C-alpha atoms as a PDB file:
ATOM      1  CA  UNK A   1     152.881 193.281  51.131  1.00  0.00           C
ATOM      2  CA  UNK A   2     155.044 191.980  53.970  1.00  0.00           C
ATOM      3  CA  UNK A   3     152.411 190.840  57.510  1.00  0.00           C
ATOM      4  CA  UNK A   4     153.842 192.142  60.867  1.00  0.00           C
ATOM      5  CA  UNK A   5     155.081 189.076  63.415  1.00  0.00           C
ATOM      6  CA  UNK A   6     151.371 189.804  65.373  1.00  0.00           C
ATOM      7  CA  UNK A   7     149.156 189.078  62.349  1.00  0.00           C
ATOM      8  CA  UNK A   8     151.257 185.950  61.123  1.00  0.00           C
ATOM      9  CA  UNK A   9     151.256 184.887  65.302  1.00  0.00           C
ATOM     10  CA  UNK A  10     147.642 185.894  65.252  1.00  0.00           C
ATOM     11  CA  UNK A  11     146.584 183.484  62.289  1.00  0.00           C
ATOM     12  CA  UNK A  12     148.430 180.267  62.781  1.00  0.00           C
ATOM     13  CA  UNK A  13     147.003 180.711  66.308  1.00  0.00           C
ATOM     14  CA  UNK A  14     143.738 180.906  64.838  1.00  0.00           C
ATOM     15  CA  UNK A  15     144.104 178.128  62.213  1.00  0.00           C
ATOM     16  CA  UNK A  16     145.136 175.749  65.203  1.00  0.00           C
ATOM     17  CA  UNK A  17     142.515 176.536  67.164  1.00  0.00           C
ATOM     18  CA  UNK A  18     140.482 175.450  64.066  1.00  0.00           C
ATOM     19  CA  UNK A  19     141.930 172.378  63.672  1.00  0.00           C
ATOM     20  CA  UNK A  20     141.766 171.284  67.029  1.00  0.00           C
ATOM     21  CA  UNK A  21     138.082 172.342  67.476  1.00  0.00           C
ATOM     22  CA  UNK A  22     137.139 170.105  64.554  1.00  0.00           C
ATOM     23  CA  UNK A  23     138.719 166.897  65.835  1.00  0.00           C
ATOM     24  CA  UNK A  24     137.343 167.559  68.798  1.00  0.00           C
ATOM     25  CA  UNK A  25     133.605 168.077  67.693  1.00  0.00           C
ATOM     26  CA  UNK A  26     134.802 164.826  65.335  1.00  0.00           C
ATOM     27  CA  UNK A  27     135.582 162.620  67.636  1.00  0.00           C
ATOM     28  CA  UNK A  28     132.753 163.918  70.109  1.00  0.00           C
ATOM     29  CA  UNK A  29     130.464 163.449  67.290  1.00  0.00           C
ATOM     30  CA  UNK A  30     131.823 159.900  66.849  1.00  0.00           C
ATOM     31  CA  UNK A  31     131.977 158.869  70.171  1.00  0.00           C
ATOM     32  CA  UNK A  32     128.231 159.611  70.713  1.00  0.00           C
ATOM     33  CA  UNK A  33     127.176 157.914  67.830  1.00  0.00           C
ATOM     34  CA  UNK A  34     128.539 154.577  69.218  1.00  0.00           C
ATOM     35  CA  UNK A  35     127.190 154.794  72.203  1.00  0.00           C
ATOM     36  CA  UNK A  36     123.490 155.749  70.782  1.00  0.00           C
ATOM     37  CA  UNK A  37     124.314 152.546  68.355  1.00  0.00           C
ATOM     38  CA  UNK A  38     125.259 150.366  71.437  1.00  0.00           C
ATOM     39  CA  UNK A  39     122.451 151.642  73.812  1.00  0.00           C
ATOM     40  CA  UNK A  40     119.602 150.649  70.761  1.00  0.00           C
ATOM     41  CA  UNK A  41     121.375 147.102  70.946  1.00  0.00           C
ATOM     42  CA  UNK A  42     121.196 146.703  74.628  1.00  0.00           C
ATOM     43  CA  UNK A  43     117.593 147.997  74.296  1.00  0.00           C
ATOM     44  CA  UNK A  44     116.738 145.806  71.366  1.00  0.00           C
ATOM     45  CA  UNK A  45     118.462 142.826  73.622  1.00  0.00           C
ATOM     46  CA  UNK A  46     116.357 143.434  76.520  1.00  0.00           C
ATOM     47  CA  UNK A  47     113.249 143.812  74.747  1.00  0.00           C
ATOM     48  CA  UNK A  48     113.966 140.529  73.273  1.00  0.00           C
ATOM     49  CA  UNK A  49     114.656 138.511  76.579  1.00  0.00           C
ATOM     50  CA  UNK A  50     111.391 139.766  77.679  1.00  0.00           C
ATOM     51  CA  UNK A  51     109.188 138.680  74.665  1.00  0.00           C
ATOM     52  CA  UNK A  52     111.481 135.010  74.756  1.00  0.00           C
ATOM     53  CA  UNK A  53     110.503 135.028  78.791  1.00  0.00           C
ATOM     54  CA  UNK A  54     107.169 136.014  78.531  1.00  0.00           C
ATOM     55  CA  UNK A  55     106.415 133.323  75.507  1.00  0.00           C
ATOM     56  CA  UNK A  56     105.035 135.964  72.804  1.00  0.00           C
ATOM     57  CA  UNK A  57     106.097 136.096  69.077  1.00  0.00           C
ATOM     58  CA  UNK A  58     106.446 138.980  66.797  1.00  0.00           C
ATOM     59  CA  UNK A  59     104.600 139.318  63.681  1.00  0.00           C
ATOM     60  CA  UNK A  60     106.276 141.712  60.960  1.00  0.00           C
ATOM     61  CA  UNK A  61     103.170 142.979  58.011  1.00  0.00           C
ATOM     62  CA  UNK A  62     104.680 145.083  55.193  1.00  0.00           C
ATOM     63  CA  UNK A  63     102.190 146.204  52.353  1.00  0.00           C
ATOM     64  CA  UNK A  64     104.706 145.805  50.230  1.00  0.00           C
ATOM     65  CA  UNK A  65     108.182 144.120  51.132  1.00  0.00           C
ATOM     66  CA  UNK A  66     109.787 146.534  48.851  1.00  0.00           C
ATOM     67  CA  UNK A  67     108.115 149.567  50.827  1.00  0.00           C
ATOM     68  CA  UNK A  68     108.741 149.062  54.514  1.00  0.00           C
ATOM     69  CA  UNK A  69     107.981 152.326  55.400  1.00  0.00           C
ATOM     70  CA  UNK A  70     104.286 150.833  56.426  1.00  0.00           C
ATOM     71  CA  UNK A  71     105.586 148.142  58.194  1.00  0.00           C
ATOM     72  CA  UNK A  72     103.772 147.160  61.709  1.00  0.00           C
ATOM     73  CA  UNK A  73     104.690 145.660  63.907  1.00  0.00           C
ATOM     74  CA  UNK A  74     102.283 142.664  66.064  1.00  0.00           C
ATOM     75  CA  UNK A  75     102.478 141.415  69.249  1.00  0.00           C
ATOM     76  CA  UNK A  76     101.194 137.573  69.516  1.00  0.00           C
ATOM     77  CA  UNK A  77     100.289 136.544  72.843  1.00  0.00           C
ATOM     78  CA  UNK A  78      99.128 133.314  73.262  1.00  0.00           C
ATOM     79  CA  UNK A  79      96.060 133.021  74.681  1.00  0.00           C
ATOM     80  CA  UNK A  80      94.533 135.766  74.016  1.00  0.00           C
END
């Protein structure tokens, strides 16, 4: 059964829009993901610089080294 020219054009346009939308969505996701990683890295660098400047230290404690779900971070301030 032959399709009409209008149906073929509609199908081609729909496919093109779908491909462009998927590409744009993928690009937006990757860009946002990389930006969030950079933002988190910057924040961790700032916290590290603040702790280094204040003279405090961090102590990491885990009940079981293989299981880090129970990880606790303790701020150690000298003289406190």
